[in-house]
């Protein structure tokens, strides 16, 4: 799939942001009762697989097939779900 090929060439920060966006979109579509949530779930899981293979260290919440419903997938209770200190600065 072309999308996955593009994701494999993204930097760590870009791919992490993409996963956040997919998670947010998935949650919004699920809340609306739209069947489109499945498209975003599949994209999120594929992007997580690419990230995990290249960099490792994906938080468990993003690996789950059915994610916990949160208000934000960036910050929860004042704590980043995916701390920026875990980023590799070389890429």
PDB file of N, CA and C in Angstrom:
ATOM      1  N   UNK A   1       0.842  -1.180   0.000  1.00  0.00           N
ATOM      2  CA  UNK A   1       0.000   0.000   0.000  1.00  0.00           C
ATOM      3  C   UNK A   1       0.889   1.245   0.000  1.00  0.00           C
ATOM      4  N   UNK A   2       0.559   2.187  -0.831  1.00  0.00           N
ATOM      5  CA  UNK A   2       1.357   3.398  -0.995  1.00  0.00           C
ATOM      6  C   UNK A   2       1.469   4.183   0.302  1.00  0.00           C
ATOM      7  N   UNK A   3       0.362   4.282   1.052  1.00  0.00           N
ATOM      8  CA  UNK A   3       0.370   5.036   2.303  1.00  0.00           C
ATOM      9  C   UNK A   3       1.428   4.505   3.271  1.00  0.00           C
ATOM     10  N   UNK A   4       1.459   3.197   3.424  1.00  0.00           N
ATOM     11  CA  UNK A   4       2.412   2.581   4.348  1.00  0.00           C
ATOM     12  C   UNK A   4       3.835   2.866   3.891  1.00  0.00           C
ATOM     13  N   UNK A   5       4.072   2.844   2.597  1.00  0.00           N
ATOM     14  CA  UNK A   5       5.393   3.161   2.064  1.00  0.00           C
ATOM     15  C   UNK A   5       5.796   4.585   2.443  1.00  0.00           C
ATOM     16  N   UNK A   6       4.869   5.518   2.334  1.00  0.00           N
ATOM     17  CA  UNK A   6       5.144   6.914   2.705  1.00  0.00           C
ATOM     18  C   UNK A   6       5.412   7.007   4.203  1.00  0.00           C
ATOM     19  N   UNK A   7       4.610   6.313   5.014  1.00  0.00           N
ATOM     20  CA  UNK A   7       4.792   6.348   6.470  1.00  0.00           C
ATOM     21  C   UNK A   7       6.166   5.820   6.868  1.00  0.00           C
ATOM     22  N   UNK A   8       6.677   4.842   6.133  1.00  0.00           N
ATOM     23  CA  UNK A   8       7.978   4.260   6.457  1.00  0.00           C
ATOM     24  C   UNK A   8       9.111   5.256   6.262  1.00  0.00           C
ATOM     25  N   UNK A   9       8.868   6.311   5.511  1.00  0.00           N
ATOM     26  CA  UNK A   9       9.903   7.304   5.251  1.00  0.00           C
ATOM     27  C   UNK A   9       9.737   8.580   6.066  1.00  0.00           C
ATOM     28  N   UNK A  10       8.730   8.641   6.926  1.00  0.00           N
ATOM     29  CA  UNK A  10       8.524   9.820   7.769  1.00  0.00           C
ATOM     30  C   UNK A  10       9.490   9.815   8.946  1.00  0.00           C
ATOM     31  N   UNK A  11       9.750  10.991   9.465  1.00  0.00           N
ATOM     32  CA  UNK A  11      10.581  11.080  10.668  1.00  0.00           C
ATOM     33  C   UNK A  11       9.769  10.579  11.860  1.00  0.00           C
ATOM     34  N   UNK A  12      10.442  10.346  12.954  1.00  0.00           N
ATOM     35  CA  UNK A  12       9.780   9.841  14.155  1.00  0.00           C
ATOM     36  C   UNK A  12       8.704  10.810  14.641  1.00  0.00           C
ATOM     37  N   UNK A  13       9.016  12.073  14.665  1.00  0.00           N
ATOM     38  CA  UNK A  13       8.059  13.089  15.129  1.00  0.00           C
ATOM     39  C   UNK A  13       6.833  13.161  14.213  1.00  0.00           C
ATOM     40  N   UNK A  14       7.042  13.110  12.905  1.00  0.00           N
ATOM     41  CA  UNK A  14       5.928  13.173  11.958  1.00  0.00           C
ATOM     42  C   UNK A  14       5.016  11.959  12.089  1.00  0.00           C
ATOM     43  N   UNK A  15       5.606  10.799  12.234  1.00  0.00           N
ATOM     44  CA  UNK A  15       4.824   9.570  12.360  1.00  0.00           C
ATOM     45  C   UNK A  15       4.047   9.550  13.673  1.00  0.00           C
ATOM     46  N   UNK A  16       4.654  10.036  14.728  1.00  0.00           N
ATOM     47  CA  UNK A  16       3.974  10.112  16.024  1.00  0.00           C
ATOM     48  C   UNK A  16       2.775  11.055  15.935  1.00  0.00           C
ATOM     49  N   UNK A  17       2.940  12.189  15.279  1.00  0.00           N
ATOM     50  CA  UNK A  17       1.848  13.141  15.097  1.00  0.00           C
ATOM     51  C   UNK A  17       0.725  12.522  14.268  1.00  0.00           C
ATOM     52  N   UNK A  18       1.087  11.769  13.254  1.00  0.00           N
ATOM     53  CA  UNK A  18       0.099  11.097  12.416  1.00  0.00           C
ATOM     54  C   UNK A  18      -0.727  10.105  13.242  1.00  0.00           C
ATOM     55  N   UNK A  19      -0.077   9.361  14.113  1.00  0.00           N
ATOM     56  CA  UNK A  19      -0.782   8.403  14.969  1.00  0.00           C
ATOM     57  C   UNK A  19      -1.736   9.138  15.906  1.00  0.00           C
ATOM     58  N   UNK A  20      -1.297  10.254  16.468  1.00  0.00           N
ATOM     59  CA  UNK A  20      -2.185  11.063  17.315  1.00  0.00           C
ATOM     60  C   UNK A  20      -3.418  11.512  16.529  1.00  0.00           C
ATOM     61  N   UNK A  21      -3.207  11.985  15.333  1.00  0.00           N
ATOM     62  CA  UNK A  21      -4.327  12.464  14.508  1.00  0.00           C
ATOM     63  C   UNK A  21      -5.294  11.338  14.178  1.00  0.00           C
ATOM     64  N   UNK A  22      -4.761  10.178  13.835  1.00  0.00           N
ATOM     65  CA  UNK A  22      -5.623   9.032  13.529  1.00  0.00           C
ATOM     66  C   UNK A  22      -6.440   8.639  14.756  1.00  0.00           C
ATOM     67  N   UNK A  23      -5.817   8.642  15.925  1.00  0.00           N
ATOM     68  CA  UNK A  23      -6.523   8.288  17.161  1.00  0.00           C
ATOM     69  C   UNK A  23      -7.637   9.287  17.456  1.00  0.00           C
ATOM     70  N   UNK A  24      -7.358  10.559  17.275  1.00  0.00           N
ATOM     71  CA  UNK A  24      -8.351  11.604  17.524  1.00  0.00           C
ATOM     72  C   UNK A  24      -9.510  11.487  16.540  1.00  0.00           C
ATOM     73  N   UNK A  25      -9.203  11.264  15.276  1.00  0.00           N
ATOM     74  CA  UNK A  25     -10.231  11.125  14.245  1.00  0.00           C
ATOM     75  C   UNK A  25     -11.086   9.881  14.502  1.00  0.00           C
ATOM     76  N   UNK A  26     -10.434   8.790  14.885  1.00  0.00           N
ATOM     77  CA  UNK A  26     -11.155   7.552  15.193  1.00  0.00           C
ATOM     78  C   UNK A  26     -12.146   7.774  16.333  1.00  0.00           C
ATOM     79  N   UNK A  27     -11.699   8.425  17.389  1.00  0.00           N
ATOM     80  CA  UNK A  27     -12.561   8.680  18.545  1.00  0.00           C
ATOM     81  C   UNK A  27     -13.736   9.579  18.174  1.00  0.00           C
ATOM     82  N   UNK A  28     -13.480  10.590  17.349  1.00  0.00           N
ATOM     83  CA  UNK A  28     -14.547  11.511  16.939  1.00  0.00           C
ATOM     84  C   UNK A  28     -15.604  10.786  16.103  1.00  0.00           C
ATOM     85  N   UNK A  29     -15.174   9.960  15.177  1.00  0.00           N
ATOM     86  CA  UNK A  29     -16.115   9.223  14.327  1.00  0.00           C
ATOM     87  C   UNK A  29     -16.900   8.201  15.141  1.00  0.00           C
ATOM     88  N   UNK A  30     -16.243   7.573  16.102  1.00  0.00           N
ATOM     89  CA  UNK A  30     -16.917   6.608  16.970  1.00  0.00           C
ATOM     90  C   UNK A  30     -17.979   7.302  17.815  1.00  0.00           C
ATOM     91  N   UNK A  31     -17.657   8.475  18.316  1.00  0.00           N
ATOM     92  CA  UNK A  31     -18.590   9.256  19.130  1.00  0.00           C
ATOM     93  C   UNK A  31     -19.805   9.686  18.305  1.00  0.00           C
ATOM     94  N   UNK A  32     -19.578  10.003  17.027  1.00  0.00           N
ATOM     95  CA  UNK A  32     -20.669  10.401  16.133  1.00  0.00           C
ATOM     96  C   UNK A  32     -21.538   9.214  15.722  1.00  0.00           C
ATOM     97  N   UNK A  33     -21.034   8.013  15.946  1.00  0.00           N
ATOM     98  CA  UNK A  33     -21.760   6.822  15.519  1.00  0.00           C
ATOM     99  C   UNK A  33     -21.542   6.498  14.051  1.00  0.00           C
ATOM    100  N   UNK A  34     -20.520   7.088  13.472  1.00  0.00           N
ATOM    101  CA  UNK A  34     -20.205   6.882  12.061  1.00  0.00           C
ATOM    102  C   UNK A  34     -19.387   5.603  11.886  1.00  0.00           C
ATOM    103  N   UNK A  35     -19.667   4.896  10.807  1.00  0.00           N
ATOM    104  CA  UNK A  35     -18.906   3.674  10.524  1.00  0.00           C
ATOM    105  C   UNK A  35     -17.500   3.972  10.026  1.00  0.00           C
ATOM    106  N   UNK A  36     -17.237   5.219   9.707  1.00  0.00           N
ATOM    107  CA  UNK A  36     -15.906   5.617   9.234  1.00  0.00           C
ATOM    108  C   UNK A  36     -14.829   5.418  10.298  1.00  0.00           C
ATOM    109  N   UNK A  37     -15.229   5.243  11.555  1.00  0.00           N
ATOM    110  CA  UNK A  37     -14.233   5.065  12.613  1.00  0.00           C
ATOM    111  C   UNK A  37     -13.313   3.902  12.287  1.00  0.00           C
ATOM    112  N   UNK A  38     -13.860   2.879  11.600  1.00  0.00           N
ATOM    113  CA  UNK A  38     -13.072   1.695  11.293  1.00  0.00           C
ATOM    114  C   UNK A  38     -11.898   2.025  10.378  1.00  0.00           C
ATOM    115  N   UNK A  39     -12.105   2.917   9.421  1.00  0.00           N
ATOM    116  CA  UNK A  39     -11.032   3.335   8.506  1.00  0.00           C
ATOM    117  C   UNK A  39      -9.889   3.948   9.306  1.00  0.00           C
ATOM    118  N   UNK A  40     -10.229   4.816  10.265  1.00  0.00           N
ATOM    119  CA  UNK A  40      -9.211   5.483  11.076  1.00  0.00           C
ATOM    120  C   UNK A  40      -8.538   4.509  12.032  1.00  0.00           C
ATOM    121  N   UNK A  41      -9.291   3.512  12.518  1.00  0.00           N
ATOM    122  CA  UNK A  41      -8.699   2.491  13.387  1.00  0.00           C
ATOM    123  C   UNK A  41      -7.653   1.697  12.624  1.00  0.00           C
ATOM    124  N   UNK A  42      -7.990   1.273  11.417  1.00  0.00           N
ATOM    125  CA  UNK A  42      -7.056   0.495  10.595  1.00  0.00           C
ATOM    126  C   UNK A  42      -5.805   1.316  10.288  1.00  0.00           C
ATOM    127  N   UNK A  43      -5.996   2.581   9.928  1.00  0.00           N
ATOM    128  CA  UNK A  43      -4.843   3.445   9.643  1.00  0.00           C
ATOM    129  C   UNK A  43      -3.965   3.609  10.878  1.00  0.00           C
ATOM    130  N   UNK A  44      -4.603   3.829  12.031  1.00  0.00           N
ATOM    131  CA  UNK A  44      -3.837   3.997  13.275  1.00  0.00           C
ATOM    132  C   UNK A  44      -3.018   2.750  13.568  1.00  0.00           C
ATOM    133  N   UNK A  45      -3.636   1.585  13.483  1.00  0.00           N
ATOM    134  CA  UNK A  45      -2.931   0.344  13.799  1.00  0.00           C
ATOM    135  C   UNK A  45      -1.791   0.066  12.817  1.00  0.00           C
ATOM    136  N   UNK A  46      -1.999   0.385  11.546  1.00  0.00           N
ATOM    137  CA  UNK A  46      -0.919   0.200  10.565  1.00  0.00           C
ATOM    138  C   UNK A  46       0.230   1.173  10.827  1.00  0.00           C
ATOM    139  N   UNK A  47      -0.110   2.417  11.137  1.00  0.00           N
ATOM    140  CA  UNK A  47       0.929   3.413  11.433  1.00  0.00           C
ATOM    141  C   UNK A  47       1.686   3.040  12.706  1.00  0.00           C
ATOM    142  N   UNK A  48       0.974   2.514  13.702  1.00  0.00           N
ATOM    143  CA  UNK A  48       1.621   2.067  14.945  1.00  0.00           C
ATOM    144  C   UNK A  48       2.585   0.921  14.649  1.00  0.00           C
ATOM    145  N   UNK A  49       2.180   0.003  13.783  1.00  0.00           N
ATOM    146  CA  UNK A  49       3.057  -1.120  13.423  1.00  0.00           C
ATOM    147  C   UNK A  49       4.331  -0.619  12.746  1.00  0.00           C
ATOM    148  N   UNK A  50       4.188   0.356  11.862  1.00  0.00           N
ATOM    149  CA  UNK A  50       5.360   0.937  11.187  1.00  0.00           C
ATOM    150  C   UNK A  50       6.263   1.622  12.210  1.00  0.00           C
ATOM    151  N   UNK A  51       5.668   2.412  13.104  1.00  0.00           N
ATOM    152  CA  UNK A  51       6.452   3.124  14.117  1.00  0.00           C
ATOM    153  C   UNK A  51       7.173   2.138  15.026  1.00  0.00           C
ATOM    154  N   UNK A  52       6.445   1.114  15.477  1.00  0.00           N
ATOM    155  CA  UNK A  52       7.022   0.131  16.394  1.00  0.00           C
ATOM    156  C   UNK A  52       8.184  -0.616  15.743  1.00  0.00           C
ATOM    157  N   UNK A  53       8.045  -0.928  14.474  1.00  0.00           N
ATOM    158  CA  UNK A  53       9.110  -1.634  13.759  1.00  0.00           C
ATOM    159  C   UNK A  53      10.349  -0.758  13.593  1.00  0.00           C
ATOM    160  N   UNK A  54      10.137   0.519  13.288  1.00  0.00           N
ATOM    161  CA  UNK A  54      11.266   1.425  13.046  1.00  0.00           C
ATOM    162  C   UNK A  54      11.901   1.954  14.319  1.00  0.00           C
ATOM    163  N   UNK A  55      11.071   2.375  15.280  1.00  0.00           N
ATOM    164  CA  UNK A  55      11.589   3.084  16.447  1.00  0.00           C
ATOM    165  C   UNK A  55      11.305   2.388  17.777  1.00  0.00           C
ATOM    166  N   UNK A  56      10.252   1.601  17.861  1.00  0.00           N
ATOM    167  CA  UNK A  56       9.848   0.966  19.115  1.00  0.00           C
ATOM    168  C   UNK A  56       9.287   1.981  20.094  1.00  0.00           C
ATOM    169  N   UNK A  57       8.809   1.494  21.217  1.00  0.00           N
ATOM    170  CA  UNK A  57       8.369   2.384  22.281  1.00  0.00           C
ATOM    171  C   UNK A  57       7.030   3.063  22.069  1.00  0.00           C
ATOM    172  N   UNK A  58       6.074   2.368  21.469  1.00  0.00           N
ATOM    173  CA  UNK A  58       4.735   2.935  21.296  1.00  0.00           C
ATOM    174  C   UNK A  58       3.939   2.695  22.579  1.00  0.00           C
ATOM    175  N   UNK A  59       3.302   3.739  23.139  1.00  0.00           N
ATOM    176  CA  UNK A  59       2.477   3.547  24.328  1.00  0.00           C
ATOM    177  C   UNK A  59       1.366   2.521  24.068  1.00  0.00           C
ATOM    178  N   UNK A  60       1.061   1.733  25.079  1.00  0.00           N
ATOM    179  CA  UNK A  60       0.092   0.641  24.950  1.00  0.00           C
ATOM    180  C   UNK A  60      -1.274   1.115  24.468  1.00  0.00           C
ATOM    181  N   UNK A  61      -1.681   2.317  24.861  1.00  0.00           N
ATOM    182  CA  UNK A  61      -3.015   2.799  24.474  1.00  0.00           C
ATOM    183  C   UNK A  61      -3.178   2.874  22.965  1.00  0.00           C
ATOM    184  N   UNK A  62      -2.124   3.193  22.236  1.00  0.00           N
ATOM    185  CA  UNK A  62      -2.217   3.310  20.785  1.00  0.00           C
ATOM    186  C   UNK A  62      -2.163   1.948  20.094  1.00  0.00           C
ATOM    187  N   UNK A  63      -1.669   0.925  20.783  1.00  0.00           N
ATOM    188  CA  UNK A  63      -1.583  -0.419  20.218  1.00  0.00           C
ATOM    189  C   UNK A  63      -2.891  -1.194  20.357  1.00  0.00           C
ATOM    190  N   UNK A  64      -3.758  -0.718  21.242  1.00  0.00           N
ATOM    191  CA  UNK A  64      -5.009  -1.424  21.505  1.00  0.00           C
ATOM    192  C   UNK A  64      -5.924  -1.374  20.290  1.00  0.00           C
ATOM    193  N   UNK A  65      -6.609  -2.492  20.022  1.00  0.00           N
ATOM    194  CA  UNK A  65      -7.561  -2.504  18.927  1.00  0.00           C
ATOM    195  C   UNK A  65      -8.684  -1.519  19.203  1.00  0.00           C
ATOM    196  N   UNK A  66      -9.257  -1.577  20.398  1.00  0.00           N
ATOM    197  CA  UNK A  66     -10.289  -0.615  20.794  1.00  0.00           C
ATOM    198  C   UNK A  66      -9.686   0.261  21.882  1.00  0.00           C
ATOM    199  N   UNK A  67      -9.402   1.492  21.541  1.00  0.00           N
ATOM    200  CA  UNK A  67      -8.742   2.396  22.481  1.00  0.00           C
ATOM    201  C   UNK A  67      -9.697   2.882  23.559  1.00  0.00           C
ATOM    202  N   UNK A  68      -9.126   3.203  24.706  1.00  0.00           N
ATOM    203  CA  UNK A  68      -9.867   3.840  25.778  1.00  0.00           C
ATOM    204  C   UNK A  68     -10.294   5.225  25.304  1.00  0.00           C
ATOM    205  N   UNK A  69     -11.531   5.609  25.612  1.00  0.00           N
ATOM    206  CA  UNK A  69     -12.025   6.922  25.194  1.00  0.00           C
ATOM    207  C   UNK A  69     -11.459   7.981  26.131  1.00  0.00           C
ATOM    208  N   UNK A  70     -10.727   8.919  25.562  1.00  0.00           N
ATOM    209  CA  UNK A  70     -10.138  10.018  26.321  1.00  0.00           C
ATOM    210  C   UNK A  70     -10.547  11.337  25.684  1.00  0.00           C
ATOM    211  N   UNK A  71     -10.456  12.392  26.459  1.00  0.00           N
ATOM    212  CA  UNK A  71     -10.757  13.726  25.936  1.00  0.00           C
ATOM    213  C   UNK A  71      -9.673  14.160  24.942  1.00  0.00           C
ATOM    214  N   UNK A  72      -8.428  13.795  25.228  1.00  0.00           N
ATOM    215  CA  UNK A  72      -7.309  14.137  24.363  1.00  0.00           C
ATOM    216  C   UNK A  72      -6.338  12.964  24.314  1.00  0.00           C
ATOM    217  N   UNK A  73      -5.806  12.701  23.142  1.00  0.00           N
ATOM    218  CA  UNK A  73      -4.812  11.640  22.994  1.00  0.00           C
ATOM    219  C   UNK A  73      -3.394  12.206  22.984  1.00  0.00           C
ATOM    220  N   UNK A  74      -3.277  13.485  23.317  1.00  0.00           N
ATOM    221  CA  UNK A  74      -1.978  14.133  23.457  1.00  0.00           C
ATOM    222  C   UNK A  74      -1.611  14.242  24.936  1.00  0.00           C
ATOM    223  N   UNK A  75      -2.526  14.827  25.724  1.00  0.00           N
ATOM    224  CA  UNK A  75      -2.289  15.041  27.157  1.00  0.00           C
ATOM    225  C   UNK A  75      -3.485  14.502  27.932  1.00  0.00           C
ATOM    226  N   UNK A  76      -3.220  13.766  29.005  1.00  0.00           N
ATOM    227  CA  UNK A  76      -4.283  13.258  29.861  1.00  0.00           C
ATOM    228  C   UNK A  76      -3.901  13.532  31.312  1.00  0.00           C
ATOM    229  N   UNK A  77      -4.736  14.281  32.015  1.00  0.00           N
ATOM    230  CA  UNK A  77      -4.471  14.659  33.411  1.00  0.00           C
ATOM    231  C   UNK A  77      -3.124  15.363  33.566  1.00  0.00           C
ATOM    232  N   UNK A  78      -2.796  16.221  32.623  1.00  0.00           N
ATOM    233  CA  UNK A  78      -1.564  16.998  32.696  1.00  0.00           C
ATOM    234  C   UNK A  78      -0.304  16.229  32.346  1.00  0.00           C
ATOM    235  N   UNK A  79      -0.451  15.003  31.861  1.00  0.00           N
ATOM    236  CA  UNK A  79       0.702  14.172  31.519  1.00  0.00           C
ATOM    237  C   UNK A  79       0.607  13.793  30.042  1.00  0.00           C
ATOM    238  N   UNK A  80       1.711  13.953  29.318  1.00  0.00           N
ATOM    239  CA  UNK A  80       1.735  13.551  27.915  1.00  0.00           C
ATOM    240  C   UNK A  80       1.603  12.038  27.814  1.00  0.00           C
ATOM    241  N   UNK A  81       0.725  11.573  26.926  1.00  0.00           N
ATOM    242  CA  UNK A  81       0.585  10.136  26.715  1.00  0.00           C
ATOM    243  C   UNK A  81       1.837   9.555  26.073  1.00  0.00           C
ATOM    244  N   UNK A  82       2.467  10.370  25.250  1.00  0.00           N
ATOM    245  CA  UNK A  82       3.674   9.947  24.554  1.00  0.00           C
ATOM    246  C   UNK A  82       4.731  10.999  24.840  1.00  0.00           C
ATOM    247  N   UNK A  83       5.488  10.835  25.915  1.00  0.00           N
ATOM    248  CA  UNK A  83       6.459  11.869  26.310  1.00  0.00           C
ATOM    249  C   UNK A  83       7.442  12.190  25.191  1.00  0.00           C
ATOM    250  N   UNK A  84       7.727  13.474  25.027  1.00  0.00           N
ATOM    251  CA  UNK A  84       8.659  13.889  23.974  1.00  0.00           C
ATOM    252  C   UNK A  84      10.089  13.488  24.297  1.00  0.00           C
ATOM    253  N   UNK A  85      10.369  13.180  25.538  1.00  0.00           N
ATOM    254  CA  UNK A  85      11.725  12.762  25.905  1.00  0.00           C
ATOM    255  C   UNK A  85      12.070  11.399  25.322  1.00  0.00           C
ATOM    256  N   UNK A  86      11.058  10.641  24.870  1.00  0.00           N
ATOM    257  CA  UNK A  86      11.328   9.327  24.296  1.00  0.00           C
ATOM    258  C   UNK A  86      11.685   9.404  22.819  1.00  0.00           C
ATOM    259  N   UNK A  87      11.619  10.600  22.254  1.00  0.00           N
ATOM    260  CA  UNK A  87      11.950  10.747  20.841  1.00  0.00           C
ATOM    261  C   UNK A  87      13.448  10.605  20.614  1.00  0.00           C
ATOM    262  N   UNK A  88      13.777   9.988  19.520  1.00  0.00           N
ATOM    263  CA  UNK A  88      15.175   9.879  19.117  1.00  0.00           C
ATOM    264  C   UNK A  88      15.495  11.137  18.317  1.00  0.00           C
ATOM    265  N   UNK A  89      16.491  11.868  18.717  1.00  0.00           N
ATOM    266  CA  UNK A  89      16.783  13.148  18.068  1.00  0.00           C
ATOM    267  C   UNK A  89      17.509  12.988  16.741  1.00  0.00           C
ATOM    268  N   UNK A  90      18.089  11.846  16.475  1.00  0.00           N
ATOM    269  CA  UNK A  90      18.851  11.647  15.247  1.00  0.00           C
ATOM    270  C   UNK A  90      17.962  11.649  14.009  1.00  0.00           C
ATOM    271  N   UNK A  91      16.690  11.276  14.159  1.00  0.00           N
ATOM    272  CA  UNK A  91      15.824  11.181  12.982  1.00  0.00           C
ATOM    273  C   UNK A  91      14.764  12.186  13.118  1.00  0.00           C
TER     274      UNK A  91
END
